[in-house]
Amino acid sequence: MSRSVTIVMYHYVRDLKRSRFPAIKGLSVERFCRQLDYIQVHYAPISVEKLLGTLGSGGEDLPPNPILLTFDDGYSDHFANVFPLLDERGIQGCFFPPAQAVLEHTVLDVNKIHFVLAAVPDAGTLLDQVFSSLVEFRLEHALKTREDYLLAVTGEHRYDTREVTVLKRLLQRDLPEPVRAEIVRRLFAEHVTADEAAFACELYMSMDQIACLRRRGMHIGSHGYSHAWLNHVSPEAQAVEIDRSLDFLQKLGIGKDEWTMCYPYGGFNDSLLRILRGRQCRLGFTAEARVADLDIDDRLTLPRLDANDLPS
């Protein structure tokens, strides 16, 4: 019997055409509904509990063509648009909210970048603005040249142009943290809004909404505390991120013996996996784009398809 599981990763699910940011890269509610129709014809939706039962010592059988739906970043989209549809159809969704965004009403840098890109159609203009900003930081930080940063991005990205890929790499990972945080803050204030707290309250679910999802049978897991790129920080910083996210889950009544992990940006390494095993993490979800094979894949490095990989 096949032990393959299709795990799908979703982010924004919203009425794109009538939203304030129609260029945001997401799935329209209409497309999501069509996908659910397709899924219920061609797949058997399963729960995290079913997946764990299959991986357990008893080895429960999977239904034919099993599929698990996961939703990253804790957006209010998920409560308003996704949850009612899943609840109506009796499908469990797995939701992974970053704790800092919910608790501190701050907009994650990854989301600031998304909305800046949605607000400014010319990514080349933004990239020029970023490189111009680096001049003031060169005395304090050992920065590379523009050419070096450009040459570091090779190959093609599945969904972004090369300019967008370079911009995201610079602002998410390649620049020193204080530099990229300040540049992202300025871009967001200039092109999106200066009222970050109000925007965060609109963008992310509240604790009450997340608790409601859990009461209705949805799964809530960890997406780290600050949505850091966890394979680019020290083991000590990894442990802090994980422990703070576990404190967040405990506030929701989720015990340390039942938690799962979804890696921000899909990033993980051996030191992070050791930390997760030491804290009894049950499952880990990556961003590697393929169908999971439970006979081969480690339970802490399960791959996921992007929502755009499914017909709609």
Protein backbone atom coordinates (compact mmCIF):
# COMPACT_ATOMS: atom_id res chain seq x y z
CA MET A 1 0.00 0.00 0.00
CA SER A 2 1.26 3.48 -0.88
CA ARG A 3 2.48 5.63 1.99
CA SER A 4 2.51 8.84 -0.02
CA VAL A 5 0.83 11.96 1.37
CA THR A 6 0.19 15.17 -0.52
CA ILE A 7 0.74 18.09 1.86
CA VAL A 8 -0.27 21.50 0.49
CA MET A 9 1.01 24.89 1.66
CA TYR A 10 -1.21 28.00 1.54
CA HIS A 11 -0.55 31.62 2.45
CA TYR A 12 -2.89 34.49 1.48
CA VAL A 13 -6.44 33.45 0.55
CA ARG A 14 -8.53 36.55 -0.10
CA ASP A 15 -10.83 38.44 -2.47
CA LEU A 16 -7.84 39.75 -4.38
CA LYS A 17 -9.65 41.88 -6.95
CA ARG A 18 -11.53 43.88 -4.33
CA SER A 19 -8.73 44.09 -1.77
CA ARG A 20 -6.50 47.10 -1.11
CA PHE A 21 -3.55 45.13 -2.45
CA PRO A 22 -4.78 43.16 -5.48
CA ALA A 23 -1.18 42.48 -6.58
CA ILE A 24 -0.35 40.48 -3.44
CA LYS A 25 0.67 36.95 -4.39
CA GLY A 26 -2.11 34.80 -3.06
CA LEU A 27 -5.05 32.61 -3.94
CA SER A 28 -8.47 34.10 -4.58
CA VAL A 29 -11.36 32.75 -2.52
CA GLU A 30 -12.94 31.54 -5.76
CA ARG A 31 -9.84 29.55 -6.70
CA PHE A 32 -9.64 28.12 -3.18
CA CYS A 33 -13.26 26.94 -3.41
CA ARG A 34 -12.53 25.28 -6.75
CA GLN A 35 -9.48 23.60 -5.26
CA LEU A 36 -11.54 22.23 -2.39
CA ASP A 37 -14.03 20.86 -4.90
CA TYR A 38 -11.18 19.21 -6.79
CA ILE A 39 -9.62 17.87 -3.60
CA GLN A 40 -12.84 16.26 -2.42
CA VAL A 41 -13.22 14.46 -5.77
CA HIS A 42 -9.61 13.30 -6.21
CA TYR A 43 -8.21 13.09 -2.67
CA ALA A 44 -9.08 12.02 0.87
CA PRO A 45 -8.41 14.89 3.31
CA ILE A 46 -6.76 13.66 6.50
CA SER A 47 -5.98 15.22 9.87
CA VAL A 48 -2.69 15.63 11.72
CA GLU A 49 -3.95 13.02 14.17
CA LYS A 50 -4.45 10.55 11.32
CA LEU A 51 -0.97 11.27 10.00
CA LEU A 52 0.54 10.73 13.46
CA GLY A 53 -1.41 7.50 13.82
CA THR A 54 0.06 6.30 10.54
CA LEU A 55 3.58 7.14 11.74
CA GLY A 56 3.03 5.56 15.16
CA SER A 57 3.91 2.06 16.29
CA GLY A 58 0.50 0.74 15.26
CA GLY A 59 0.92 2.00 11.71
CA GLU A 60 -2.68 2.91 10.87
CA ASP A 61 -3.57 2.61 7.18
CA LEU A 62 -3.96 5.74 5.12
CA PRO A 63 -6.96 6.21 2.84
CA PRO A 64 -6.25 6.29 -0.90
CA ASN A 65 -4.76 9.61 -2.10
CA PRO A 66 -4.47 11.28 1.32
CA ILE A 67 -4.01 15.04 1.47
CA LEU A 68 -3.24 17.44 4.33
CA LEU A 69 -3.86 21.19 4.03
CA THR A 70 -1.51 23.63 5.82
CA PHE A 71 -1.77 27.42 6.17
CA ASP A 72 1.26 29.52 7.07
CA ASP A 73 1.66 32.89 8.83
CA GLY A 74 -1.59 33.24 10.79
CA TYR A 75 -3.39 35.65 8.47
CA SER A 76 -6.88 36.92 9.24
CA ASP A 77 -7.65 35.57 5.74
CA HIS A 78 -7.50 32.13 7.28
CA PHE A 79 -10.15 32.86 9.88
CA ALA A 80 -12.48 34.87 7.63
CA ASN A 81 -12.14 33.02 4.33
CA VAL A 82 -10.58 29.59 4.88
CA PHE A 83 -11.97 28.35 8.19
CA PRO A 84 -15.70 28.61 7.29
CA LEU A 85 -15.16 26.60 4.10
CA LEU A 86 -13.12 23.90 5.82
CA ASP A 87 -15.54 23.71 8.74
CA GLU A 88 -18.50 23.35 6.40
CA ARG A 89 -16.84 20.51 4.50
CA GLY A 90 -15.46 18.73 7.58
CA ILE A 91 -11.82 19.19 6.51
CA GLN A 92 -9.11 19.86 9.07
CA GLY A 93 -6.68 22.66 8.28
CA CYS A 94 -3.27 23.01 9.95
CA PHE A 95 -2.55 26.64 10.85
CA PHE A 96 0.90 27.98 11.74
CA PRO A 97 0.84 31.53 13.16
CA PRO A 98 4.14 33.26 14.08
CA ALA A 99 3.77 34.19 17.75
CA GLN A 100 5.31 37.68 17.60
CA ALA A 101 2.87 38.94 14.98
CA VAL A 102 -0.11 37.86 17.08
CA LEU A 103 1.15 38.86 20.51
CA GLU A 104 3.00 42.11 19.76
CA HIS A 105 0.92 43.48 16.83
CA THR A 106 4.00 43.92 14.68
CA VAL A 107 4.11 43.21 10.97
CA LEU A 108 6.71 40.58 10.15
CA ASP A 109 9.44 41.75 7.81
CA VAL A 110 8.50 39.02 5.34
CA ASN A 111 4.99 40.49 5.14
CA LYS A 112 6.25 44.06 4.96
CA ILE A 113 8.22 43.02 1.88
CA HIS A 114 5.15 41.33 0.36
CA PHE A 115 3.03 44.45 0.71
CA VAL A 116 5.76 46.81 -0.46
CA LEU A 117 6.08 44.70 -3.61
CA ALA A 118 2.30 44.70 -4.02
CA ALA A 119 2.20 48.49 -3.64
CA VAL A 120 5.09 49.26 -6.03
CA PRO A 121 4.73 47.55 -9.41
CA ASP A 122 8.33 48.17 -10.51
CA ALA A 123 10.63 45.90 -8.50
CA GLY A 124 13.65 47.44 -10.23
CA THR A 125 12.85 50.81 -8.68
CA LEU A 126 12.67 49.23 -5.22
CA LEU A 127 15.95 47.42 -5.79
CA ASP A 128 17.64 50.70 -6.77
CA GLN A 129 16.22 52.28 -3.61
CA VAL A 130 17.65 49.49 -1.46
CA PHE A 131 21.12 49.70 -3.00
CA SER A 132 21.11 53.49 -2.63
CA SER A 133 20.26 53.08 1.06
CA LEU A 134 23.31 50.88 1.66
CA VAL A 135 25.69 53.84 1.35
CA GLU A 136 24.86 55.10 4.84
CA PHE A 137 25.48 51.69 6.43
CA ARG A 138 28.87 50.89 4.88
CA LEU A 139 31.01 52.46 7.58
CA GLU A 140 29.38 50.38 10.32
CA HIS A 141 28.80 47.12 8.46
CA ALA A 142 30.96 45.09 6.07
CA LEU A 143 28.64 45.17 3.05
CA LYS A 144 29.32 43.65 -0.34
CA THR A 145 29.09 45.51 -3.63
CA ARG A 146 25.90 45.67 -5.66
CA GLU A 147 27.49 43.33 -8.22
CA ASP A 148 28.36 40.76 -5.56
CA TYR A 149 24.79 40.69 -4.23
CA LEU A 150 23.42 40.34 -7.75
CA LEU A 151 25.83 37.54 -8.67
CA ALA A 152 24.89 35.60 -5.53
CA VAL A 153 21.41 34.93 -6.96
CA THR A 154 21.64 32.27 -9.64
CA GLY A 155 19.10 30.08 -11.36
CA GLU A 156 15.37 30.64 -11.67
CA HIS A 157 12.81 31.00 -8.90
CA ARG A 158 9.51 29.20 -9.32
CA TYR A 159 7.29 32.25 -8.86
CA ASP A 160 9.43 35.42 -8.76
CA THR A 161 11.41 37.41 -11.31
CA ARG A 162 15.14 37.70 -10.73
CA GLU A 163 14.77 41.29 -9.48
CA VAL A 164 12.17 40.26 -6.92
CA THR A 165 14.31 37.28 -5.87
CA VAL A 166 17.35 39.53 -5.32
CA LEU A 167 15.24 42.01 -3.35
CA LYS A 168 13.79 39.29 -1.11
CA ARG A 169 17.20 37.69 -0.49
CA LEU A 170 18.71 41.04 0.49
CA LEU A 171 15.90 42.01 2.83
CA GLN A 172 15.18 38.58 4.30
CA ARG A 173 18.64 37.08 4.70
CA ASP A 174 21.74 38.44 2.97
CA LEU A 175 22.09 41.89 4.55
CA PRO A 176 23.06 42.19 8.24
CA GLU A 177 19.94 42.03 10.41
CA PRO A 178 20.03 45.68 11.66
CA VAL A 179 20.49 46.95 8.09
CA ARG A 180 17.72 44.93 6.51
CA ALA A 181 15.30 45.64 9.38
CA GLU A 182 15.79 49.39 9.05
CA ILE A 183 15.48 49.39 5.25
CA VAL A 184 12.32 47.26 5.40
CA ARG A 185 10.86 49.58 8.05
CA ARG A 186 11.46 52.62 5.83
CA LEU A 187 10.07 51.00 2.69
CA PHE A 188 6.95 49.84 4.51
CA ALA A 189 6.32 53.27 6.07
CA GLU A 190 6.83 55.02 2.74
CA HIS A 191 4.91 52.72 0.40
CA VAL A 192 2.30 51.00 2.62
CA THR A 193 1.55 52.64 5.99
CA ALA A 194 3.21 54.28 8.99
CA ASP A 195 0.65 52.72 11.36
CA GLU A 196 2.19 49.29 11.74
CA ALA A 197 0.10 48.21 14.75
CA ALA A 198 -3.20 48.90 13.00
CA PHE A 199 -2.02 47.06 9.90
CA ALA A 200 -0.91 44.08 12.01
CA CYS A 201 -4.29 43.84 13.74
CA GLU A 202 -5.92 43.77 10.31
CA LEU A 203 -3.45 41.30 8.78
CA TYR A 204 -3.13 38.60 11.46
CA MET A 205 -5.56 36.51 13.49
CA SER A 206 -6.12 37.34 17.13
CA MET A 207 -5.61 34.88 19.99
CA ASP A 208 -9.39 34.51 20.30
CA GLN A 209 -9.70 33.62 16.62
CA ILE A 210 -6.87 31.08 16.80
CA ALA A 211 -8.47 29.56 19.90
CA CYS A 212 -11.76 29.32 18.00
CA LEU A 213 -10.05 27.41 15.19
CA ARG A 214 -8.69 24.94 17.70
CA ARG A 215 -12.09 24.46 19.38
CA ARG A 216 -13.53 23.58 15.98
CA GLY A 217 -10.99 20.84 15.35
CA MET A 218 -8.36 22.73 13.38
CA HIS A 219 -4.70 22.04 14.17
CA ILE A 220 -2.48 24.86 15.46
CA GLY A 221 1.30 24.48 15.27
CA SER A 222 4.49 26.49 15.64
CA HIS A 223 5.87 28.83 13.00
CA GLY A 224 8.61 30.13 15.26
CA TYR A 225 8.38 33.30 17.30
CA SER A 226 9.62 36.01 14.94
CA HIS A 227 9.51 34.10 11.62
CA ALA A 228 13.32 34.06 11.55
CA TRP A 229 15.21 32.15 8.87
CA LEU A 230 16.14 29.45 11.38
CA ASN A 231 18.95 27.82 9.40
CA HIS A 232 20.79 31.17 9.38
CA VAL A 233 20.91 31.79 13.14
CA SER A 234 22.95 30.17 15.92
CA PRO A 235 21.74 27.09 17.79
CA GLU A 236 21.25 29.31 20.84
CA ALA A 237 18.99 31.65 18.86
CA GLN A 238 17.15 28.65 17.42
CA ALA A 239 16.41 27.38 20.93
CA VAL A 240 15.08 30.78 22.01
CA GLU A 241 12.82 30.97 18.94
CA ILE A 242 11.44 27.50 19.57
CA ASP A 243 10.93 27.95 23.31
CA ARG A 244 9.14 31.28 22.88
CA SER A 245 6.88 29.72 20.25
CA LEU A 246 6.12 26.84 22.62
CA ASP A 247 5.13 29.34 25.32
CA PHE A 248 2.72 30.82 22.76
CA LEU A 249 1.22 27.40 22.03
CA GLN A 250 0.83 26.73 25.74
CA LYS A 251 -1.26 29.91 26.03
CA LEU A 252 -3.62 28.21 23.57
CA GLY A 253 -3.73 25.02 25.64
CA ILE A 254 -1.46 23.06 23.31
CA GLY A 255 0.80 20.73 25.25
CA LYS A 256 4.48 20.17 24.54
CA ASP A 257 3.71 16.54 23.73
CA GLU A 258 1.43 17.38 20.79
CA TRP A 259 3.12 20.21 18.95
CA THR A 260 4.24 20.42 15.34
CA MET A 261 6.62 22.75 13.50
CA CYS A 262 6.38 24.57 10.19
CA TYR A 263 9.75 26.10 9.23
CA PRO A 264 9.66 29.80 8.25
CA TYR A 265 10.91 30.06 4.65
CA GLY A 266 11.28 26.27 4.79
CA GLY A 267 14.68 26.71 6.46
CA PHE A 268 16.11 24.12 8.87
CA ASN A 269 19.42 22.43 9.65
CA ASP A 270 20.82 19.66 11.84
CA SER A 271 21.11 21.81 14.98
CA LEU A 272 17.48 22.85 14.70
CA LEU A 273 16.36 19.26 14.21
CA ARG A 274 18.26 18.25 17.35
CA ILE A 275 16.45 20.98 19.30
CA LEU A 276 13.07 19.85 17.97
CA ARG A 277 13.72 16.22 18.83
CA GLY A 278 14.82 17.23 22.31
CA ARG A 279 11.51 19.03 22.78
CA GLN A 280 9.43 16.12 21.43
CA CYS A 281 8.22 17.82 18.26
CA ARG A 282 5.80 15.46 16.52
CA LEU A 283 6.01 16.68 12.89
CA GLY A 284 8.01 19.19 10.87
CA PHE A 285 6.90 20.75 7.57
CA THR A 286 9.34 22.13 5.00
CA ALA A 287 8.86 24.01 1.71
CA GLU A 288 10.42 21.32 -0.48
CA ALA A 289 8.02 20.95 -3.40
CA ARG A 290 7.12 17.28 -3.72
CA VAL A 291 4.74 14.64 -2.36
CA ALA A 292 5.78 13.16 0.98
CA ASP A 293 6.74 9.49 1.21
CA LEU A 294 6.30 8.29 4.80
CA ASP A 295 8.59 5.30 4.20
CA ILE A 296 11.49 7.58 3.27
CA ASP A 297 10.94 11.07 4.67
CA ASP A 298 11.83 11.96 8.24
CA ARG A 299 8.72 13.05 10.16
CA LEU A 300 10.48 16.38 10.92
CA THR A 301 11.28 17.18 7.28
CA LEU A 302 8.05 16.50 5.43
CA PRO A 303 7.83 18.20 2.00
CA ARG A 304 4.86 20.25 0.84
CA LEU A 305 3.48 21.32 -2.53
CA ASP A 306 2.59 24.95 -3.10
CA ALA A 307 -1.11 25.73 -3.50
CA ASN A 308 -0.38 26.75 -7.09
CA ASP A 309 0.69 23.18 -7.85
CA LEU A 310 -2.90 21.97 -7.47
CA PRO A 311 -5.48 22.40 -10.24
CA SER A 312 -8.09 25.09 -9.65
